[in-house]
């Protein structure tokens, strides 16, 4: 995080870094969801990305892995990521 004060608030004992968990709520998602995951993500490792995708309704989720990318897939692989996002949006809007 760019703001050290925010980072300290986030990682303090009892802070959101220790309590933030949306996995149980993902089954309630009702819209198509594209999950883009960087295989080199230090914040959300690949196993966690797989868990996120698996927690979403299977008929609504599309999970795409990006080799050589970290947490920010779009800046790490802009052409491939944006093409995939466009295809996901256009593919969904034509059905």
N, C-alpha and C. Protein backbone atom coordinates (compact mmCIF):
# COMPACT_ATOMS: atom_id res chain seq x y z
N UNK A 1 0.85 -1.17 0.00
CA UNK A 1 0.00 0.00 0.00
C UNK A 1 0.89 1.24 0.00
N UNK A 2 0.46 2.23 -0.71
CA UNK A 2 1.25 3.44 -0.84
C UNK A 2 1.23 4.30 0.42
N UNK A 3 0.20 4.18 1.23
CA UNK A 3 0.08 4.99 2.44
C UNK A 3 0.45 4.13 3.65
N UNK A 4 1.62 4.40 4.27
CA UNK A 4 2.06 3.57 5.40
C UNK A 4 1.07 3.58 6.58
N UNK A 5 0.36 4.68 6.79
CA UNK A 5 -0.61 4.73 7.89
C UNK A 5 -1.77 3.78 7.63
N UNK A 6 -2.21 3.70 6.39
CA UNK A 6 -3.29 2.78 6.04
C UNK A 6 -2.80 1.34 6.20
N UNK A 7 -1.59 1.07 5.76
CA UNK A 7 -1.03 -0.27 5.90
C UNK A 7 -0.97 -0.68 7.36
N UNK A 8 -0.49 0.19 8.22
CA UNK A 8 -0.41 -0.13 9.65
C UNK A 8 -1.80 -0.39 10.24
N UNK A 9 -2.79 0.39 9.83
CA UNK A 9 -4.17 0.18 10.29
C UNK A 9 -4.66 -1.19 9.83
N UNK A 10 -4.34 -1.56 8.61
CA UNK A 10 -4.79 -2.81 8.02
C UNK A 10 -4.15 -4.03 8.69
N UNK A 11 -2.85 -3.95 9.01
CA UNK A 11 -2.14 -5.12 9.53
C UNK A 11 -2.03 -5.15 11.05
N UNK A 12 -2.56 -4.18 11.74
CA UNK A 12 -2.48 -4.16 13.21
C UNK A 12 -3.20 -5.39 13.79
N UNK A 13 -2.89 -5.79 15.00
CA UNK A 13 -3.62 -6.90 15.63
C UNK A 13 -5.13 -6.60 15.63
N UNK A 14 -5.90 -7.52 15.11
CA UNK A 14 -7.34 -7.33 15.02
C UNK A 14 -7.77 -6.54 13.79
N UNK A 15 -6.80 -6.11 12.97
CA UNK A 15 -7.10 -5.34 11.77
C UNK A 15 -7.69 -6.20 10.67
N UNK A 16 -8.10 -5.53 9.61
CA UNK A 16 -8.77 -6.23 8.51
C UNK A 16 -7.93 -7.33 7.88
N UNK A 17 -6.63 -7.19 7.89
CA UNK A 17 -5.78 -8.23 7.30
C UNK A 17 -5.98 -9.57 8.00
N UNK A 18 -6.43 -9.54 9.24
CA UNK A 18 -6.62 -10.75 10.03
C UNK A 18 -8.07 -11.23 10.05
N UNK A 19 -8.99 -10.38 9.64
CA UNK A 19 -10.41 -10.72 9.77
C UNK A 19 -11.19 -10.67 8.46
N UNK A 20 -10.61 -10.10 7.42
CA UNK A 20 -11.30 -9.89 6.14
C UNK A 20 -11.46 -11.22 5.42
N UNK A 21 -12.69 -11.68 5.22
CA UNK A 21 -12.94 -12.94 4.54
C UNK A 21 -14.32 -12.90 3.88
N UNK A 22 -14.34 -12.78 2.59
CA UNK A 22 -15.60 -12.74 1.85
C UNK A 22 -15.97 -14.09 1.24
N UNK A 23 -15.11 -15.09 1.38
CA UNK A 23 -15.39 -16.39 0.78
C UNK A 23 -16.78 -16.94 1.11
N UNK A 24 -17.22 -16.90 2.36
CA UNK A 24 -18.54 -17.46 2.66
C UNK A 24 -19.69 -16.77 1.92
N UNK A 25 -19.49 -15.53 1.51
CA UNK A 25 -20.56 -14.78 0.84
C UNK A 25 -20.55 -14.94 -0.68
N UNK A 26 -19.50 -15.50 -1.25
CA UNK A 26 -19.39 -15.57 -2.70
C UNK A 26 -20.45 -16.45 -3.35
N UNK A 27 -20.96 -17.41 -2.64
CA UNK A 27 -22.02 -18.28 -3.19
C UNK A 27 -23.29 -17.48 -3.51
N UNK A 28 -23.42 -16.30 -2.92
CA UNK A 28 -24.61 -15.47 -3.15
C UNK A 28 -24.52 -14.60 -4.41
N UNK A 29 -23.36 -14.58 -5.05
CA UNK A 29 -23.18 -13.79 -6.27
C UNK A 29 -24.18 -14.27 -7.33
N UNK A 30 -24.82 -13.32 -8.02
CA UNK A 30 -25.85 -13.67 -8.99
C UNK A 30 -25.55 -13.18 -10.40
N UNK A 31 -24.34 -12.71 -10.62
CA UNK A 31 -24.00 -12.21 -11.96
C UNK A 31 -22.74 -12.91 -12.47
N UNK A 32 -22.56 -12.94 -13.78
CA UNK A 32 -21.35 -13.53 -14.33
C UNK A 32 -20.12 -12.84 -13.75
N UNK A 33 -19.12 -13.63 -13.42
CA UNK A 33 -17.94 -13.11 -12.75
C UNK A 33 -16.68 -13.65 -13.40
N UNK A 34 -15.80 -12.74 -13.78
CA UNK A 34 -14.51 -13.09 -14.35
C UNK A 34 -13.45 -12.91 -13.27
N UNK A 35 -12.75 -13.97 -12.95
CA UNK A 35 -11.67 -13.92 -11.96
C UNK A 35 -10.36 -14.02 -12.72
N UNK A 36 -9.54 -12.97 -12.64
CA UNK A 36 -8.23 -12.96 -13.28
C UNK A 36 -7.19 -13.14 -12.18
N UNK A 37 -6.33 -14.13 -12.33
CA UNK A 37 -5.34 -14.40 -11.30
C UNK A 37 -3.94 -14.47 -11.84
N UNK A 38 -3.03 -13.77 -11.17
CA UNK A 38 -1.62 -13.85 -11.52
C UNK A 38 -0.97 -15.02 -10.81
N UNK A 39 -0.27 -15.85 -11.55
CA UNK A 39 0.37 -17.02 -10.96
C UNK A 39 1.51 -16.66 -9.99
N UNK A 40 1.99 -15.42 -10.06
CA UNK A 40 3.07 -14.97 -9.17
C UNK A 40 2.54 -13.97 -8.13
N UNK A 41 1.26 -14.01 -7.85
CA UNK A 41 0.64 -13.06 -6.93
C UNK A 41 1.10 -13.33 -5.49
N UNK A 42 1.81 -12.38 -4.86
CA UNK A 42 2.26 -12.58 -3.49
C UNK A 42 1.17 -12.31 -2.45
N UNK A 43 0.12 -11.59 -2.84
CA UNK A 43 -0.95 -11.24 -1.89
C UNK A 43 -2.06 -12.28 -1.86
N UNK A 44 -2.40 -12.80 -3.03
CA UNK A 44 -3.45 -13.81 -3.15
C UNK A 44 -2.87 -14.96 -3.97
N UNK A 45 -2.21 -15.89 -3.28
CA UNK A 45 -1.56 -17.00 -4.00
C UNK A 45 -2.56 -17.79 -4.84
N UNK A 46 -2.03 -18.51 -5.81
CA UNK A 46 -2.86 -19.27 -6.75
C UNK A 46 -3.87 -20.17 -6.04
N UNK A 47 -3.46 -20.83 -4.97
CA UNK A 47 -4.40 -21.71 -4.25
C UNK A 47 -5.60 -20.92 -3.73
N UNK A 48 -5.36 -19.69 -3.29
CA UNK A 48 -6.46 -18.84 -2.81
C UNK A 48 -7.35 -18.38 -3.96
N UNK A 49 -6.73 -18.10 -5.10
CA UNK A 49 -7.52 -17.71 -6.28
C UNK A 49 -8.44 -18.85 -6.69
N UNK A 50 -7.93 -20.06 -6.64
CA UNK A 50 -8.73 -21.24 -6.97
C UNK A 50 -9.90 -21.35 -5.99
N UNK A 51 -9.64 -21.09 -4.71
CA UNK A 51 -10.70 -21.13 -3.70
C UNK A 51 -11.76 -20.07 -3.97
N UNK A 52 -11.33 -18.89 -4.39
CA UNK A 52 -12.27 -17.81 -4.71
C UNK A 52 -13.17 -18.24 -5.87
N UNK A 53 -12.57 -18.73 -6.93
CA UNK A 53 -13.35 -19.16 -8.09
C UNK A 53 -14.30 -20.30 -7.73
N UNK A 54 -13.82 -21.23 -6.90
CA UNK A 54 -14.65 -22.38 -6.51
C UNK A 54 -15.81 -21.97 -5.61
N UNK A 55 -15.67 -20.87 -4.89
CA UNK A 55 -16.73 -20.41 -3.99
C UNK A 55 -17.85 -19.69 -4.73
N UNK A 56 -17.58 -19.27 -5.95
CA UNK A 56 -18.60 -18.60 -6.77
C UNK A 56 -19.49 -19.64 -7.45
N UNK A 57 -20.72 -19.29 -7.78
CA UNK A 57 -21.59 -20.24 -8.48
C UNK A 57 -20.92 -20.71 -9.77
N UNK A 58 -20.78 -22.01 -9.97
CA UNK A 58 -20.01 -22.53 -11.11
C UNK A 58 -20.56 -22.11 -12.47
N UNK A 59 -21.85 -21.92 -12.57
CA UNK A 59 -22.43 -21.52 -13.86
C UNK A 59 -22.17 -20.05 -14.18
N UNK A 60 -21.66 -19.30 -13.22
CA UNK A 60 -21.44 -17.86 -13.40
C UNK A 60 -19.98 -17.45 -13.44
N UNK A 61 -19.08 -18.34 -13.07
CA UNK A 61 -17.68 -17.94 -12.91
C UNK A 61 -16.81 -18.41 -14.08
N UNK A 62 -15.87 -17.57 -14.42
CA UNK A 62 -14.81 -17.93 -15.36
C UNK A 62 -13.50 -17.52 -14.70
N UNK A 63 -12.59 -18.46 -14.53
CA UNK A 63 -11.31 -18.21 -13.86
C UNK A 63 -10.20 -18.33 -14.89
N UNK A 64 -9.39 -17.29 -15.00
CA UNK A 64 -8.27 -17.27 -15.94
C UNK A 64 -6.99 -16.95 -15.20
N UNK A 65 -5.99 -17.81 -15.40
CA UNK A 65 -4.68 -17.65 -14.78
C UNK A 65 -3.73 -16.98 -15.76
N UNK A 66 -2.85 -16.14 -15.21
CA UNK A 66 -1.88 -15.43 -16.02
C UNK A 66 -0.48 -15.75 -15.52
N UNK A 67 0.28 -16.46 -16.33
CA UNK A 67 1.66 -16.78 -15.99
C UNK A 67 2.50 -15.50 -15.95
N UNK A 68 3.41 -15.45 -15.00
CA UNK A 68 4.32 -14.32 -14.91
C UNK A 68 3.70 -13.05 -14.39
N UNK A 69 2.47 -13.08 -13.91
CA UNK A 69 1.80 -11.89 -13.40
C UNK A 69 1.68 -11.96 -11.89
N UNK A 70 1.71 -10.78 -11.28
CA UNK A 70 1.51 -10.68 -9.85
C UNK A 70 0.06 -10.37 -9.52
N UNK A 71 -0.13 -9.57 -8.47
CA UNK A 71 -1.48 -9.25 -7.99
C UNK A 71 -2.26 -8.39 -8.99
N UNK A 72 -1.55 -7.55 -9.71
CA UNK A 72 -2.21 -6.63 -10.64
C UNK A 72 -2.05 -7.16 -12.06
N UNK A 73 -2.98 -8.00 -12.50
CA UNK A 73 -2.88 -8.65 -13.80
C UNK A 73 -2.93 -7.64 -14.94
N UNK A 74 -3.82 -6.67 -14.87
CA UNK A 74 -3.96 -5.72 -15.98
C UNK A 74 -2.67 -4.94 -16.23
N UNK A 75 -2.02 -4.36 -15.22
CA UNK A 75 -0.75 -3.68 -15.50
C UNK A 75 0.37 -4.65 -15.92
N UNK A 76 0.33 -5.88 -15.40
CA UNK A 76 1.38 -6.85 -15.72
C UNK A 76 1.24 -7.43 -17.12
N UNK A 77 0.02 -7.61 -17.59
CA UNK A 77 -0.23 -8.18 -18.92
C UNK A 77 -1.42 -7.45 -19.55
N UNK A 78 -1.25 -6.14 -19.84
CA UNK A 78 -2.41 -5.35 -20.27
C UNK A 78 -3.10 -5.85 -21.53
N UNK A 79 -2.35 -6.22 -22.54
CA UNK A 79 -2.99 -6.65 -23.80
C UNK A 79 -3.83 -7.90 -23.59
N UNK A 80 -3.26 -8.92 -22.97
CA UNK A 80 -3.98 -10.18 -22.76
C UNK A 80 -5.15 -10.00 -21.80
N UNK A 81 -4.93 -9.28 -20.71
CA UNK A 81 -5.98 -9.10 -19.71
C UNK A 81 -7.15 -8.29 -20.27
N UNK A 82 -6.85 -7.19 -20.94
CA UNK A 82 -7.93 -6.36 -21.49
C UNK A 82 -8.67 -7.08 -22.60
N UNK A 83 -7.97 -7.87 -23.40
CA UNK A 83 -8.65 -8.66 -24.43
C UNK A 83 -9.61 -9.66 -23.79
N UNK A 84 -9.17 -10.28 -22.70
CA UNK A 84 -10.02 -11.25 -22.02
C UNK A 84 -11.24 -10.57 -21.39
N UNK A 85 -11.03 -9.40 -20.81
CA UNK A 85 -12.14 -8.65 -20.21
C UNK A 85 -13.15 -8.26 -21.30
N UNK A 86 -12.63 -7.75 -22.41
CA UNK A 86 -13.52 -7.37 -23.52
C UNK A 86 -14.33 -8.57 -24.01
N UNK A 87 -13.65 -9.69 -24.21
CA UNK A 87 -14.32 -10.90 -24.70
C UNK A 87 -15.37 -11.37 -23.70
N UNK A 88 -15.07 -11.28 -22.42
CA UNK A 88 -16.01 -11.69 -21.39
C UNK A 88 -17.27 -10.80 -21.43
N UNK A 89 -17.06 -9.51 -21.54
CA UNK A 89 -18.19 -8.57 -21.56
C UNK A 89 -18.99 -8.73 -22.84
N UNK A 90 -18.33 -8.75 -23.98
CA UNK A 90 -19.02 -8.87 -25.26
C UNK A 90 -19.71 -10.23 -25.37
N UNK A 91 -19.03 -11.28 -24.96
CA UNK A 91 -19.62 -12.61 -25.00
C UNK A 91 -20.87 -12.71 -24.15
N UNK A 92 -20.87 -12.05 -23.01
CA UNK A 92 -22.03 -12.08 -22.12
C UNK A 92 -23.15 -11.21 -22.64
N UNK A 93 -22.81 -10.10 -23.29
CA UNK A 93 -23.87 -9.18 -23.74
C UNK A 93 -24.59 -9.70 -24.98
N UNK A 94 -23.96 -10.65 -25.71
CA UNK A 94 -24.61 -11.14 -26.91
C UNK A 94 -25.47 -12.38 -26.65
N UNK A 95 -25.49 -12.85 -25.41
CA UNK A 95 -26.30 -14.03 -25.09
C UNK A 95 -27.62 -13.65 -24.48
